Each structure stands twice: as structure tokens, then as C-alpha cells.
PDB file of N, CA and C in Angstrom:
ATOM      1  N   UNK A   1     -38.024 -20.449 -23.679  1.00  0.00           N
ATOM      2  CA  UNK A   1     -37.860 -21.283 -24.825  1.00  0.00           C
ATOM      3  C   UNK A   1     -37.911 -22.713 -24.327  1.00  0.00           C
ATOM      4  N   UNK A   2     -38.530 -23.576 -25.096  1.00  0.00           N
ATOM      5  CA  UNK A   2     -38.694 -24.970 -24.730  1.00  0.00           C
ATOM      6  C   UNK A   2     -37.936 -25.836 -25.719  1.00  0.00           C
ATOM      7  N   UNK A   3     -37.044 -26.685 -25.182  1.00  0.00           N
ATOM      8  CA  UNK A   3     -36.228 -27.555 -26.028  1.00  0.00           C
ATOM      9  C   UNK A   3     -36.684 -29.009 -25.927  1.00  0.00           C
ATOM     10  N   UNK A   4     -36.455 -29.753 -26.999  1.00  0.00           N
ATOM     11  CA  UNK A   4     -36.719 -31.184 -27.010  1.00  0.00           C
ATOM     12  C   UNK A   4     -35.556 -31.921 -27.649  1.00  0.00           C
ATOM     13  N   UNK A   5     -34.366 -31.392 -27.524  1.00  0.00           N
ATOM     14  CA  UNK A   5     -33.168 -31.963 -28.145  1.00  0.00           C
ATOM     15  C   UNK A   5     -32.910 -33.386 -27.673  1.00  0.00           C
ATOM     16  N   UNK A   6     -32.361 -34.227 -28.549  1.00  0.00           N
ATOM     17  CA  UNK A   6     -32.163 -35.630 -28.202  1.00  0.00           C
ATOM     18  C   UNK A   6     -30.902 -35.943 -27.398  1.00  0.00           C
ATOM     19  N   UNK A   7     -30.027 -34.955 -27.202  1.00  0.00           N
ATOM     20  CA  UNK A   7     -28.826 -35.220 -26.405  1.00  0.00           C
ATOM     21  C   UNK A   7     -28.403 -33.963 -25.649  1.00  0.00           C
ATOM     22  N   UNK A   8     -27.580 -34.173 -24.650  1.00  0.00           N
ATOM     23  CA  UNK A   8     -27.192 -33.075 -23.763  1.00  0.00           C
ATOM     24  C   UNK A   8     -26.352 -32.017 -24.467  1.00  0.00           C
ATOM     25  N   UNK A   9     -25.461 -32.432 -25.352  1.00  0.00           N
ATOM     26  CA  UNK A   9     -24.589 -31.463 -26.023  1.00  0.00           C
ATOM     27  C   UNK A   9     -25.379 -30.506 -26.910  1.00  0.00           C
ATOM     28  N   UNK A  10     -26.314 -31.032 -27.683  1.00  0.00           N
ATOM     29  CA  UNK A  10     -27.090 -30.146 -28.551  1.00  0.00           C
ATOM     30  C   UNK A  10     -28.031 -29.264 -27.739  1.00  0.00           C
ATOM     31  N   UNK A  11     -28.607 -29.802 -26.678  1.00  0.00           N
ATOM     32  CA  UNK A  11     -29.480 -28.989 -25.826  1.00  0.00           C
ATOM     33  C   UNK A  11     -28.694 -27.832 -25.214  1.00  0.00           C
ATOM     34  N   UNK A  12     -27.487 -28.116 -24.762  1.00  0.00           N
ATOM     35  CA  UNK A  12     -26.652 -27.069 -24.169  1.00  0.00           C
ATOM     36  C   UNK A  12     -26.285 -25.998 -25.204  1.00  0.00           C
ATOM     37  N   UNK A  13     -25.954 -26.422 -26.408  1.00  0.00           N
ATOM     38  CA  UNK A  13     -25.606 -25.479 -27.477  1.00  0.00           C
ATOM     39  C   UNK A  13     -26.792 -24.581 -27.819  1.00  0.00           C
ATOM     40  N   UNK A  14     -27.970 -25.161 -27.970  1.00  0.00           N
ATOM     41  CA  UNK A  14     -29.155 -24.356 -28.275  1.00  0.00           C
ATOM     42  C   UNK A  14     -29.481 -23.410 -27.124  1.00  0.00           C
ATOM     43  N   UNK A  15     -29.363 -23.899 -25.893  1.00  0.00           N
ATOM     44  CA  UNK A  15     -29.649 -23.064 -24.728  1.00  0.00           C
ATOM     45  C   UNK A  15     -28.678 -21.878 -24.667  1.00  0.00           C
ATOM     46  N   UNK A  16     -27.403 -22.148 -24.881  1.00  0.00           N
ATOM     47  CA  UNK A  16     -26.415 -21.063 -24.865  1.00  0.00           C
ATOM     48  C   UNK A  16     -26.685 -20.051 -25.973  1.00  0.00           C
ATOM     49  N   UNK A  17     -27.072 -20.529 -27.139  1.00  0.00           N
ATOM     50  CA  UNK A  17     -27.309 -19.649 -28.276  1.00  0.00           C
ATOM     51  C   UNK A  17     -28.399 -18.628 -27.985  1.00  0.00           C
ATOM     52  N   UNK A  18     -29.488 -19.056 -27.354  1.00  0.00           N
ATOM     53  CA  UNK A  18     -30.603 -18.128 -27.125  1.00  0.00           C
ATOM     54  C   UNK A  18     -30.528 -17.389 -25.798  1.00  0.00           C
ATOM     55  N   UNK A  19     -29.566 -17.742 -24.951  1.00  0.00           N
ATOM     56  CA  UNK A  19     -29.415 -16.998 -23.707  1.00  0.00           C
ATOM     57  C   UNK A  19     -28.184 -16.107 -23.729  1.00  0.00           C
ATOM     58  N   UNK A  20     -27.048 -16.674 -24.060  1.00  0.00           N
ATOM     59  CA  UNK A  20     -25.780 -15.949 -23.986  1.00  0.00           C
ATOM     60  C   UNK A  20     -25.227 -15.501 -25.332  1.00  0.00           C
ATOM     61  N   UNK A  21     -25.775 -16.023 -26.425  1.00  0.00           N
ATOM     62  CA  UNK A  21     -25.259 -15.739 -27.763  1.00  0.00           C
ATOM     63  C   UNK A  21     -24.609 -16.983 -28.339  1.00  0.00           C
ATOM     64  N   UNK A  22     -24.519 -17.066 -29.635  1.00  0.00           N
ATOM     65  CA  UNK A  22     -23.997 -18.248 -30.326  1.00  0.00           C
ATOM     66  C   UNK A  22     -22.557 -18.542 -29.906  1.00  0.00           C
ATOM     67  N   UNK A  23     -22.331 -19.674 -29.198  1.00  0.00           N
ATOM     68  CA  UNK A  23     -20.984 -19.983 -28.732  1.00  0.00           C
ATOM     69  C   UNK A  23     -20.047 -20.463 -29.840  1.00  0.00           C
ATOM     70  N   UNK A  24     -20.599 -20.771 -31.016  1.00  0.00           N
ATOM     71  CA  UNK A  24     -19.749 -21.234 -32.119  1.00  0.00           C
ATOM     72  C   UNK A  24     -19.218 -20.072 -32.951  1.00  0.00           C
ATOM     73  N   UNK A  25     -19.733 -18.875 -32.707  1.00  0.00           N
ATOM     74  CA  UNK A  25     -19.351 -17.673 -33.463  1.00  0.00           C
ATOM     75  C   UNK A  25     -19.572 -17.847 -34.959  1.00  0.00           C
ATOM     76  N   UNK A  26     -20.570 -18.663 -35.321  1.00  0.00           N
ATOM     77  CA  UNK A  26     -20.836 -18.925 -36.732  1.00  0.00           C
ATOM     78  C   UNK A  26     -22.207 -18.433 -37.182  1.00  0.00           C
ATOM     79  N   UNK A  27     -23.048 -18.053 -36.244  1.00  0.00           N
ATOM     80  CA  UNK A  27     -24.407 -17.700 -36.619  1.00  0.00           C
ATOM     81  C   UNK A  27     -24.748 -16.248 -36.378  1.00  0.00           C
ATOM     82  N   UNK A  28     -25.988 -15.931 -36.693  1.00  0.00           N
ATOM     83  CA  UNK A  28     -26.468 -14.552 -36.564  1.00  0.00           C
ATOM     84  C   UNK A  28     -26.535 -14.084 -35.115  1.00  0.00           C
ATOM     85  N   UNK A  29     -26.575 -15.010 -34.166  1.00  0.00           N
ATOM     86  CA  UNK A  29     -26.662 -14.627 -32.750  1.00  0.00           C
ATOM     87  C   UNK A  29     -25.299 -14.578 -32.057  1.00  0.00           C
ATOM     88  N   UNK A  30     -24.226 -14.565 -32.817  1.00  0.00           N
ATOM     89  CA  UNK A  30     -22.903 -14.425 -32.231  1.00  0.00           C
ATOM     90  C   UNK A  30     -22.822 -13.109 -31.475  1.00  0.00           C
ATOM     91  N   UNK A  31     -22.524 -13.197 -30.197  1.00  0.00           N
ATOM     92  CA  UNK A  31     -22.393 -12.006 -29.376  1.00  0.00           C
ATOM     93  C   UNK A  31     -23.715 -11.346 -29.002  1.00  0.00           C
ATOM     94  N   UNK A  32     -24.832 -11.972 -29.345  1.00  0.00           N
ATOM     95  CA  UNK A  32     -26.152 -11.416 -29.045  1.00  0.00           C
ATOM     96  C   UNK A  32     -26.780 -12.237 -27.920  1.00  0.00           C
ATOM     97  N   UNK A  33     -26.784 -11.699 -26.724  1.00  0.00           N
ATOM     98  CA  UNK A  33     -27.359 -12.395 -25.569  1.00  0.00           C
ATOM     99  C   UNK A  33     -28.842 -12.056 -25.465  1.00  0.00           C
ATOM    100  N   UNK A  34     -29.687 -12.949 -25.922  1.00  0.00           N
ATOM    101  CA  UNK A  34     -31.132 -12.715 -25.872  1.00  0.00           C
ATOM    102  C   UNK A  34     -31.700 -12.903 -24.468  1.00  0.00           C
ATOM    103  N   UNK A  35     -30.953 -13.619 -23.622  1.00  0.00           N
ATOM    104  CA  UNK A  35     -31.363 -13.864 -22.236  1.00  0.00           C
ATOM    105  C   UNK A  35     -32.737 -14.534 -22.127  1.00  0.00           C
ATOM    106  N   UNK A  36     -33.059 -15.414 -23.081  1.00  0.00           N
ATOM    107  CA  UNK A  36     -34.317 -16.150 -23.014  1.00  0.00           C
ATOM    108  C   UNK A  36     -34.189 -17.294 -22.015  1.00  0.00           C
ATOM    109  N   UNK A  37     -35.133 -17.445 -21.107  1.00  0.00           N
ATOM    110  CA  UNK A  37     -35.080 -18.605 -20.210  1.00  0.00           C
ATOM    111  C   UNK A  37     -35.385 -19.870 -21.005  1.00  0.00           C
ATOM    112  N   UNK A  38     -34.546 -20.874 -20.859  1.00  0.00           N
ATOM    113  CA  UNK A  38     -34.659 -22.106 -21.630  1.00  0.00           C
ATOM    114  C   UNK A  38     -34.892 -23.277 -20.694  1.00  0.00           C
ATOM    115  N   UNK A  39     -35.827 -24.135 -21.079  1.00  0.00           N
ATOM    116  CA  UNK A  39     -36.147 -25.334 -20.301  1.00  0.00           C
ATOM    117  C   UNK A  39     -36.250 -26.526 -21.234  1.00  0.00           C
ATOM    118  N   UNK A  40     -36.012 -27.707 -20.694  1.00  0.00           N
ATOM    119  CA  UNK A  40     -36.155 -28.942 -21.457  1.00  0.00           C
ATOM    120  C   UNK A  40     -37.556 -29.491 -21.236  1.00  0.00           C
ATOM    121  N   UNK A  41     -38.157 -30.047 -22.255  1.00  0.00           N
ATOM    122  CA  UNK A  41     -39.539 -30.497 -22.209  1.00  0.00           C
ATOM    123  C   UNK A  41     -39.807 -31.494 -21.072  1.00  0.00           C
ATOM    124  N   UNK A  42     -38.827 -32.306 -20.704  1.00  0.00           N
ATOM    125  CA  UNK A  42     -39.018 -33.315 -19.657  1.00  0.00           C
ATOM    126  C   UNK A  42     -38.654 -32.806 -18.259  1.00  0.00           C
ATOM    127  N   UNK A  43     -38.215 -31.558 -18.151  1.00  0.00           N
ATOM    128  CA  UNK A  43     -37.916 -30.973 -16.844  1.00  0.00           C
ATOM    129  C   UNK A  43     -39.212 -30.948 -16.025  1.00  0.00           C
ATOM    130  N   UNK A  44     -39.167 -31.384 -14.777  1.00  0.00           N
ATOM    131  CA  UNK A  44     -40.386 -31.369 -13.963  1.00  0.00           C
ATOM    132  C   UNK A  44     -41.073 -30.008 -13.914  1.00  0.00           C
ATOM    133  N   UNK A  45     -40.315 -28.918 -14.027  1.00  0.00           N
ATOM    134  CA  UNK A  45     -40.909 -27.589 -14.039  1.00  0.00           C
ATOM    135  C   UNK A  45     -41.824 -27.392 -15.246  1.00  0.00           C
ATOM    136  N   UNK A  46     -41.532 -28.079 -16.335  1.00  0.00           N
ATOM    137  CA  UNK A  46     -42.350 -28.010 -17.544  1.00  0.00           C
ATOM    138  C   UNK A  46     -43.369 -29.146 -17.553  1.00  0.00           C
ATOM    139  N   UNK A  47     -42.878 -30.349 -17.310  1.00  0.00           N
ATOM    140  CA  UNK A  47     -43.724 -31.552 -17.362  1.00  0.00           C
ATOM    141  C   UNK A  47     -44.979 -31.396 -16.509  1.00  0.00           C
ATOM    142  N   UNK A  48     -44.848 -30.822 -15.334  1.00  0.00           N
ATOM    143  CA  UNK A  48     -45.981 -30.699 -14.425  1.00  0.00           C
ATOM    144  C   UNK A  48     -47.045 -29.716 -14.914  1.00  0.00           C
ATOM    145  N   UNK A  49     -46.728 -28.951 -15.943  1.00  0.00           N
ATOM    146  CA  UNK A  49     -47.689 -27.999 -16.500  1.00  0.00           C
ATOM    147  C   UNK A  49     -48.408 -28.542 -17.742  1.00  0.00           C
ATOM    148  N   UNK A  50     -48.013 -29.720 -18.186  1.00  0.00           N
ATOM    149  CA  UNK A  50     -48.609 -30.336 -19.372  1.00  0.00           C
ATOM    150  C   UNK A  50     -49.643 -31.362 -18.922  1.00  0.00           C
ATOM    151  N   UNK A  51     -50.815 -31.375 -19.527  1.00  0.00           N
ATOM    152  CA  UNK A  51     -51.796 -32.390 -19.159  1.00  0.00           C
ATOM    153  C   UNK A  51     -51.188 -33.792 -19.277  1.00  0.00           C
ATOM    154  N   UNK A  52     -51.364 -34.634 -18.258  1.00  0.00           N
ATOM    155  CA  UNK A  52     -50.726 -35.956 -18.248  1.00  0.00           C
ATOM    156  C   UNK A  52     -50.962 -36.778 -19.514  1.00  0.00           C
ATOM    157  N   UNK A  53     -52.156 -36.771 -20.055  1.00  0.00           N
ATOM    158  CA  UNK A  53     -52.434 -37.563 -21.254  1.00  0.00           C
ATOM    159  C   UNK A  53     -51.638 -37.053 -22.457  1.00  0.00           C
ATOM    160  N   UNK A  54     -51.479 -35.747 -22.551  1.00  0.00           N
ATOM    161  CA  UNK A  54     -50.719 -35.150 -23.651  1.00  0.00           C
ATOM    162  C   UNK A  54     -49.240 -35.497 -23.488  1.00  0.00           C
ATOM    163  N   UNK A  55     -48.730 -35.359 -22.280  1.00  0.00           N
ATOM    164  CA  UNK A  55     -47.324 -35.684 -22.026  1.00  0.00           C
ATOM    165  C   UNK A  55     -47.063 -37.154 -22.331  1.00  0.00           C
ATOM    166  N   UNK A  56     -47.935 -38.010 -21.878  1.00  0.00           N
ATOM    167  CA  UNK A  56     -47.792 -39.451 -22.106  1.00  0.00           C
ATOM    168  C   UNK A  56     -47.743 -39.761 -23.597  1.00  0.00           C
ATOM    169  N   UNK A  57     -48.623 -39.150 -24.356  1.00  0.00           N
ATOM    170  CA  UNK A  57     -48.703 -39.433 -25.792  1.00  0.00           C
ATOM    171  C   UNK A  57     -47.502 -38.903 -26.574  1.00  0.00           C
ATOM    172  N   UNK A  58     -47.002 -37.735 -26.202  1.00  0.00           N
ATOM    173  CA  UNK A  58     -45.994 -37.070 -27.029  1.00  0.00           C
ATOM    174  C   UNK A  58     -44.566 -37.070 -26.486  1.00  0.00           C
ATOM    175  N   UNK A  59     -44.393 -37.259 -25.193  1.00  0.00           N
ATOM    176  CA  UNK A  59     -43.053 -37.074 -24.630  1.00  0.00           C
ATOM    177  C   UNK A  59     -42.542 -38.274 -23.828  1.00  0.00           C
ATOM    178  N   UNK A  60     -43.402 -38.979 -23.147  1.00  0.00           N
ATOM    179  CA  UNK A  60     -42.959 -39.972 -22.163  1.00  0.00           C
ATOM    180  C   UNK A  60     -42.057 -41.064 -22.739  1.00  0.00           C
ATOM    181  N   UNK A  61     -42.276 -41.488 -23.957  1.00  0.00           N
ATOM    182  CA  UNK A  61     -41.424 -42.512 -24.547  1.00  0.00           C
ATOM    183  C   UNK A  61     -39.982 -42.027 -24.658  1.00  0.00           C
ATOM    184  N   UNK A  62     -39.815 -40.743 -24.901  1.00  0.00           N
ATOM    185  CA  UNK A  62     -38.497 -40.137 -25.012  1.00  0.00           C
ATOM    186  C   UNK A  62     -37.697 -40.323 -23.712  1.00  0.00           C
ATOM    187  N   UNK A  63     -38.388 -40.314 -22.580  1.00  0.00           N
ATOM    188  CA  UNK A  63     -37.710 -40.458 -21.292  1.00  0.00           C
ATOM    189  C   UNK A  63     -37.011 -41.808 -21.141  1.00  0.00           C
ATOM    190  N   UNK A  64     -37.489 -42.812 -21.852  1.00  0.00           N
ATOM    191  CA  UNK A  64     -36.890 -44.145 -21.760  1.00  0.00           C
ATOM    192  C   UNK A  64     -35.583 -44.258 -22.539  1.00  0.00           C
ATOM    193  N   UNK A  65     -35.432 -43.448 -23.563  1.00  0.00           N
ATOM    194  CA  UNK A  65     -34.297 -43.607 -24.464  1.00  0.00           C
ATOM    195  C   UNK A  65     -33.212 -42.540 -24.340  1.00  0.00           C
ATOM    196  N   UNK A  66     -33.530 -41.418 -23.722  1.00  0.00           N
ATOM    197  CA  UNK A  66     -32.581 -40.306 -23.696  1.00  0.00           C
ATOM    198  C   UNK A  66     -32.023 -40.057 -22.298  1.00  0.00           C
ATOM    199  N   UNK A  67     -30.839 -39.440 -22.225  1.00  0.00           N
ATOM    200  CA  UNK A  67     -30.243 -39.098 -20.932  1.00  0.00           C
ATOM    201  C   UNK A  67     -30.895 -37.842 -20.344  1.00  0.00           C
ATOM    202  N   UNK A  68     -32.139 -37.977 -19.933  1.00  0.00           N
ATOM    203  CA  UNK A  68     -32.957 -36.844 -19.516  1.00  0.00           C
ATOM    204  C   UNK A  68     -32.310 -36.038 -18.390  1.00  0.00           C
ATOM    205  N   UNK A  69     -31.821 -36.712 -17.364  1.00  0.00           N
ATOM    206  CA  UNK A  69     -31.249 -35.997 -16.214  1.00  0.00           C
ATOM    207  C   UNK A  69     -30.058 -35.137 -16.643  1.00  0.00           C
ATOM    208  N   UNK A  70     -29.213 -35.668 -17.507  1.00  0.00           N
ATOM    209  CA  UNK A  70     -28.045 -34.919 -17.979  1.00  0.00           C
ATOM    210  C   UNK A  70     -28.478 -33.715 -18.813  1.00  0.00           C
ATOM    211  N   UNK A  71     -29.469 -33.910 -19.671  1.00  0.00           N
ATOM    212  CA  UNK A  71     -29.952 -32.808 -20.504  1.00  0.00           C
ATOM    213  C   UNK A  71     -30.532 -31.699 -19.628  1.00  0.00           C
ATOM    214  N   UNK A  72     -31.375 -32.076 -18.681  1.00  0.00           N
ATOM    215  CA  UNK A  72     -31.994 -31.085 -17.795  1.00  0.00           C
ATOM    216  C   UNK A  72     -30.929 -30.312 -17.027  1.00  0.00           C
ATOM    217  N   UNK A  73     -29.924 -31.022 -16.536  1.00  0.00           N
ATOM    218  CA  UNK A  73     -28.855 -30.374 -15.762  1.00  0.00           C
ATOM    219  C   UNK A  73     -28.066 -29.378 -16.607  1.00  0.00           C
ATOM    220  N   UNK A  74     -27.745 -29.740 -17.830  1.00  0.00           N
ATOM    221  CA  UNK A  74     -26.957 -28.848 -18.675  1.00  0.00           C
ATOM    222  C   UNK A  74     -27.747 -27.605 -19.067  1.00  0.00           C
ATOM    223  N   UNK A  75     -29.027 -27.768 -19.345  1.00  0.00           N
ATOM    224  CA  UNK A  75     -29.870 -26.622 -19.681  1.00  0.00           C
ATOM    225  C   UNK A  75     -30.022 -25.716 -18.456  1.00  0.00           C
ATOM    226  N   UNK A  76     -30.201 -26.314 -17.274  1.00  0.00           N
ATOM    227  CA  UNK A  76     -30.295 -25.546 -16.034  1.00  0.00           C
ATOM    228  C   UNK A  76     -29.008 -24.753 -15.799  1.00  0.00           C
ATOM    229  N   UNK A  77     -27.863 -25.379 -16.052  1.00  0.00           N
ATOM    230  CA  UNK A  77     -26.576 -24.709 -15.849  1.00  0.00           C
ATOM    231  C   UNK A  77     -26.437 -23.489 -16.760  1.00  0.00           C
ATOM    232  N   UNK A  78     -26.930 -23.585 -17.978  1.00  0.00           N
ATOM    233  CA  UNK A  78     -26.880 -22.430 -18.889  1.00  0.00           C
ATOM    234  C   UNK A  78     -27.754 -21.309 -18.347  1.00  0.00           C
ATOM    235  N   UNK A  79     -28.957 -21.654 -17.867  1.00  0.00           N
ATOM    236  CA  UNK A  79     -29.820 -20.614 -17.268  1.00  0.00           C
ATOM    237  C   UNK A  79     -29.115 -19.927 -16.111  1.00  0.00           C
ATOM    238  N   UNK A  80     -28.446 -20.702 -15.276  1.00  0.00           N
ATOM    239  CA  UNK A  80     -27.735 -20.123 -14.125  1.00  0.00           C
ATOM    240  C   UNK A  80     -26.613 -19.208 -14.578  1.00  0.00           C
ATOM    241  N   UNK A  81     -25.841 -19.629 -15.582  1.00  0.00           N
ATOM    242  CA  UNK A  81     -24.754 -18.777 -16.083  1.00  0.00           C
ATOM    243  C   UNK A  81     -25.284 -17.460 -16.627  1.00  0.00           C
ATOM    244  N   UNK A  82     -26.488 -17.505 -17.176  1.00  0.00           N
ATOM    245  CA  UNK A  82     -27.096 -16.298 -17.744  1.00  0.00           C
ATOM    246  C   UNK A  82     -27.843 -15.487 -16.686  1.00  0.00           C
ATOM    247  N   UNK A  83     -27.906 -16.004 -15.452  1.00  0.00           N
ATOM    248  CA  UNK A  83     -28.611 -15.294 -14.389  1.00  0.00           C
ATOM    249  C   UNK A  83     -30.114 -15.347 -14.537  1.00  0.00           C
ATOM    250  N   UNK A  84     -30.615 -16.432 -15.130  1.00  0.00           N
ATOM    251  CA  UNK A  84     -32.055 -16.600 -15.358  1.00  0.00           C
ATOM    252  C   UNK A  84     -32.640 -17.614 -14.385  1.00  0.00           C
ATOM    253  N   UNK A  85     -33.959 -17.523 -14.150  1.00  0.00           N
ATOM    254  CA  UNK A  85     -34.605 -18.484 -13.214  1.00  0.00           C
ATOM    255  C   UNK A  85     -34.646 -19.897 -13.768  1.00  0.00           C
TER     256      UNK A  85
END
């Protein structure tokens, strides 16, 4: 799953929802661990697979305004907790 969330907290919540199950216990995925590997769009593992011109046009401006490193780290931590690559 590929995320483009604007902040670390929402990215972490979405990542947890699709890997470990809805942590808020309010949605349909409560207790349902889909174990989907989740990555952030600006993560180098993803970025390096996108044609540079496409990334520049659609994503690069986001890197200037958002806490990219924090978002990537939190999404990575969720993957690790779920035992995903």
C-alpha cells in the first residue's frame, strides 16, 4: 500500500489499520490484520522506482513542506511491528 498522508500521525494510523487492524476500534478493520506492506510515497524505496520527471511534477514539492523523515520512520516502524519488509 502506498501512502501520501500529510503528517506522521495520520500516516501511522493508516499504516496500522491496513497492517495490524484498526487501532481506533471504530472501523470495519478492527481486529483484522491484513498484513499489507505500507510505504510512504517519498520513501527512497518508492521514490527510486518512479520516473524522475513524474516524481518532480507530482511529489517533490511536498518534500519541502512536510516532515518527510518522520513520516517515513513511523510507517517503517509499523511495517517492522507487523513483521513486514
